[in-house]
């Protein structure tokens, strides 16, 4: 229990440091899925810390964990395989590596310590979040141009990217389900 609490305090501090790094950017936070992931993880750690004090936060922590975990897969995979190579703006290294891999690593390392059990019925939470983000992305694409290279919602490249993201979401969630089969559920959220 104390080890998990200490780990979550570390996770909270790290995610807040990544949020602090966003001061280097002028773009709105909602425009990029990476920022959604960073904020989801910070919110998860805040609620998970509260779950140590009160069991009523357990379910919310689980929902935030499975949502953040699931969305971190497309955030990392799409960034490093698609976007990073064509991005022509400077991204501070700490933010770049932390937001596109470090935070996912935190979640992966925590999974054996917590009581989160991925259930297919909970896939609706990350899907709903991804759909909400897609609406935001579409808005920015229509009003000010594509947020990401190749994603302009017309043509094969856009369809390929959307399919890639969907596959990464489903693959990440499937990995969570497979990893938590038969997991001891007596630990804190």
Protein backbone atom coordinates (compact mmCIF):
# COMPACT_ATOMS: atom_id res chain seq x y z
CA UNK A 1 0.00 0.00 0.00
CA UNK A 2 2.73 2.51 0.96
CA UNK A 3 4.72 1.57 -2.12
CA UNK A 4 1.72 2.22 -4.36
CA UNK A 5 1.04 5.52 -2.60
CA UNK A 6 4.65 6.63 -3.07
CA UNK A 7 4.55 5.55 -6.72
CA UNK A 8 1.39 7.57 -7.28
CA UNK A 9 2.92 10.63 -5.66
CA UNK A 10 5.83 10.24 -8.07
CA UNK A 11 3.38 9.83 -10.98
CA UNK A 12 1.50 12.95 -9.92
CA UNK A 13 4.71 14.97 -9.69
CA UNK A 14 5.92 13.73 -13.08
CA UNK A 15 2.62 14.44 -14.82
CA UNK A 16 2.52 17.93 -13.29
CA UNK A 17 6.07 18.53 -14.57
CA UNK A 18 4.91 17.56 -18.06
CA UNK A 19 1.94 19.94 -17.75
CA UNK A 20 4.33 22.67 -16.61
CA UNK A 21 6.34 22.13 -19.80
CA UNK A 22 3.32 23.12 -21.90
CA UNK A 23 4.16 26.73 -21.07
CA UNK A 24 6.48 26.56 -24.11
CA UNK A 25 3.53 26.26 -26.46
CA UNK A 26 1.09 28.87 -27.69
CA UNK A 27 -1.45 26.44 -29.17
CA UNK A 28 -4.60 25.61 -27.23
CA UNK A 29 -4.31 22.50 -25.08
CA UNK A 30 -7.48 20.93 -26.44
CA UNK A 31 -6.13 20.92 -29.97
CA UNK A 32 -3.73 17.97 -29.45
CA UNK A 33 -4.56 14.46 -28.23
CA UNK A 34 -1.20 14.40 -26.46
CA UNK A 35 -2.40 17.17 -24.14
CA UNK A 36 -5.59 15.24 -23.45
CA UNK A 37 -3.44 12.28 -22.44
CA UNK A 38 -1.23 14.37 -20.16
CA UNK A 39 -4.23 15.90 -18.39
CA UNK A 40 -6.00 12.53 -18.11
CA UNK A 41 -2.96 11.02 -16.43
CA UNK A 42 -2.60 13.93 -14.01
CA UNK A 43 -6.30 13.65 -13.19
CA UNK A 44 -5.94 9.88 -12.76
CA UNK A 45 -3.09 10.32 -10.28
CA UNK A 46 -5.05 12.95 -8.33
CA UNK A 47 -8.11 10.70 -8.06
CA UNK A 48 -5.99 7.60 -7.38
CA UNK A 49 -4.33 9.42 -4.50
CA UNK A 50 -7.78 10.32 -3.17
CA UNK A 51 -8.77 6.64 -3.43
CA UNK A 52 -6.20 5.87 -0.73
CA UNK A 53 -8.24 8.03 1.64
CA UNK A 54 -11.72 6.99 0.51
CA UNK A 55 -12.98 3.96 -1.40
CA UNK A 56 -15.64 6.08 -3.11
CA UNK A 57 -12.95 7.30 -5.56
CA UNK A 58 -11.98 3.75 -6.62
CA UNK A 59 -14.33 3.43 -9.61
CA UNK A 60 -13.46 6.90 -10.95
CA UNK A 61 -9.76 6.06 -10.65
CA UNK A 62 -10.30 2.82 -12.59
CA UNK A 63 -12.20 4.61 -15.37
CA UNK A 64 -9.50 7.28 -15.63
CA UNK A 65 -6.73 4.66 -15.64
CA UNK A 66 -8.24 2.52 -18.42
CA UNK A 67 -9.03 5.64 -20.45
CA UNK A 68 -5.55 7.14 -20.06
CA UNK A 69 -3.85 3.78 -20.69
CA UNK A 70 -5.87 3.17 -23.83
CA UNK A 71 -5.34 6.64 -25.31
CA UNK A 72 -1.62 6.64 -24.57
CA UNK A 73 -1.11 3.85 -27.13
CA UNK A 74 -2.21 5.90 -30.15
CA UNK A 75 -0.57 9.01 -28.70
CA UNK A 76 2.81 7.27 -28.57
CA UNK A 77 2.53 5.04 -31.64
CA UNK A 78 1.13 7.65 -34.00
CA UNK A 79 3.53 10.33 -32.82
CA UNK A 80 6.71 8.26 -33.18
CA UNK A 81 5.76 6.48 -36.40
CA UNK A 82 3.81 9.16 -38.26
CA UNK A 83 3.99 12.66 -36.87
CA UNK A 84 7.49 13.00 -35.41
CA UNK A 85 9.19 12.58 -38.78
CA UNK A 86 7.24 15.35 -40.50
CA UNK A 87 6.83 17.75 -37.60
CA UNK A 88 8.73 20.95 -38.30
CA UNK A 89 8.27 22.75 -34.97
CA UNK A 90 10.48 22.58 -31.93
CA UNK A 91 9.18 20.49 -29.08
CA UNK A 92 11.18 20.72 -25.83
CA UNK A 93 12.87 17.33 -25.25
CA UNK A 94 11.45 16.74 -21.76
CA UNK A 95 7.91 17.29 -22.97
CA UNK A 96 8.50 15.36 -26.19
CA UNK A 97 9.77 12.18 -24.54
CA UNK A 98 7.58 12.40 -21.45
CA UNK A 99 4.30 13.12 -23.23
CA UNK A 100 5.00 10.62 -26.01
CA UNK A 101 6.24 7.68 -23.96
CA UNK A 102 7.25 8.49 -20.40
CA UNK A 103 3.69 8.80 -19.11
CA UNK A 104 2.67 5.52 -20.79
CA UNK A 105 5.66 3.88 -19.12
CA UNK A 106 4.42 5.17 -15.74
CA UNK A 107 1.02 3.56 -16.35
CA UNK A 108 2.56 0.28 -17.52
CA UNK A 109 4.83 0.10 -14.46
CA UNK A 110 1.89 0.79 -12.14
CA UNK A 111 -0.41 -1.89 -13.57
CA UNK A 112 1.00 -4.80 -11.49
CA UNK A 113 0.72 -2.65 -8.34
CA UNK A 114 -2.90 -1.53 -8.62
CA UNK A 115 -6.26 -3.30 -8.65
CA UNK A 116 -7.35 -2.13 -12.08
CA UNK A 117 -9.04 -4.91 -14.02
CA UNK A 118 -9.69 -4.16 -17.69
CA UNK A 119 -13.20 -5.29 -18.66
CA UNK A 120 -14.55 -5.07 -22.21
CA UNK A 121 -17.62 -3.24 -20.89
CA UNK A 122 -15.36 -0.32 -19.89
CA UNK A 123 -14.03 0.18 -23.42
CA UNK A 124 -16.83 2.71 -23.87
CA UNK A 125 -14.94 5.24 -21.71
CA UNK A 126 -11.82 5.54 -23.87
CA UNK A 127 -13.95 5.30 -27.04
CA UNK A 128 -16.19 8.16 -25.84
CA UNK A 129 -13.11 10.23 -25.00
CA UNK A 130 -11.59 9.50 -28.42
CA UNK A 131 -14.85 10.48 -30.15
CA UNK A 132 -14.98 13.73 -28.13
CA UNK A 133 -11.40 14.46 -29.13
CA UNK A 134 -12.20 13.65 -32.77
CA UNK A 135 -14.89 16.32 -32.64
CA UNK A 136 -12.38 18.86 -31.31
CA UNK A 137 -9.83 17.83 -33.94
CA UNK A 138 -12.42 18.15 -36.69
CA UNK A 139 -13.38 21.62 -35.44
CA UNK A 140 -9.77 22.84 -35.50
CA UNK A 141 -9.16 21.20 -38.88
CA UNK A 142 -12.17 22.96 -40.41
CA UNK A 143 -11.55 26.34 -38.78
CA UNK A 144 -7.75 26.62 -38.94
CA UNK A 145 -6.34 23.72 -40.93
CA UNK A 146 -5.13 20.21 -40.07
CA UNK A 147 -3.89 19.68 -36.54
CA UNK A 148 -1.73 16.75 -37.61
CA UNK A 149 0.10 16.19 -40.90
CA UNK A 150 -2.01 14.03 -43.20
CA UNK A 151 -5.23 14.27 -41.18
CA UNK A 152 -7.48 16.60 -43.16
CA UNK A 153 -10.48 14.22 -43.32
CA UNK A 154 -10.24 13.68 -47.05
CA UNK A 155 -8.29 11.09 -48.93
CA UNK A 156 -6.58 7.83 -48.22
CA UNK A 157 -3.94 9.20 -45.85
CA UNK A 158 -6.61 10.52 -43.47
CA UNK A 159 -8.52 7.23 -43.58
CA UNK A 160 -5.29 5.36 -42.91
CA UNK A 161 -4.46 7.55 -39.92
CA UNK A 162 -7.95 7.20 -38.41
CA UNK A 163 -7.73 3.42 -38.90
CA UNK A 164 -4.27 3.37 -37.33
CA UNK A 165 -5.52 5.27 -34.29
CA UNK A 166 -8.53 2.97 -33.92
CA UNK A 167 -6.29 -0.11 -34.17
CA UNK A 168 -3.94 1.36 -31.53
CA UNK A 169 -6.89 2.06 -29.20
CA UNK A 170 -8.28 -1.45 -29.57
CA UNK A 171 -4.83 -3.01 -29.34
CA UNK A 172 -3.94 -1.07 -26.22
CA UNK A 173 -7.21 -1.99 -24.55
CA UNK A 174 -6.84 -5.64 -25.58
CA UNK A 175 -3.37 -5.63 -24.01
CA UNK A 176 -4.87 -4.28 -20.79
CA UNK A 177 -7.54 -7.01 -20.78
CA UNK A 178 -4.95 -9.74 -21.41
CA UNK A 179 -2.56 -8.39 -18.79
CA UNK A 180 -5.14 -8.17 -16.02
CA UNK A 181 -6.85 -11.56 -16.47
CA UNK A 182 -7.00 -13.21 -13.07
CA UNK A 183 -5.36 -10.23 -11.37
CA UNK A 184 -5.60 -9.88 -7.59
CA UNK A 185 -8.31 -7.26 -7.04
CA UNK A 186 -7.72 -6.59 -3.32
CA UNK A 187 -5.28 -3.74 -3.95
CA UNK A 188 -6.16 -0.03 -4.07
CA UNK A 189 -7.55 1.31 -7.34
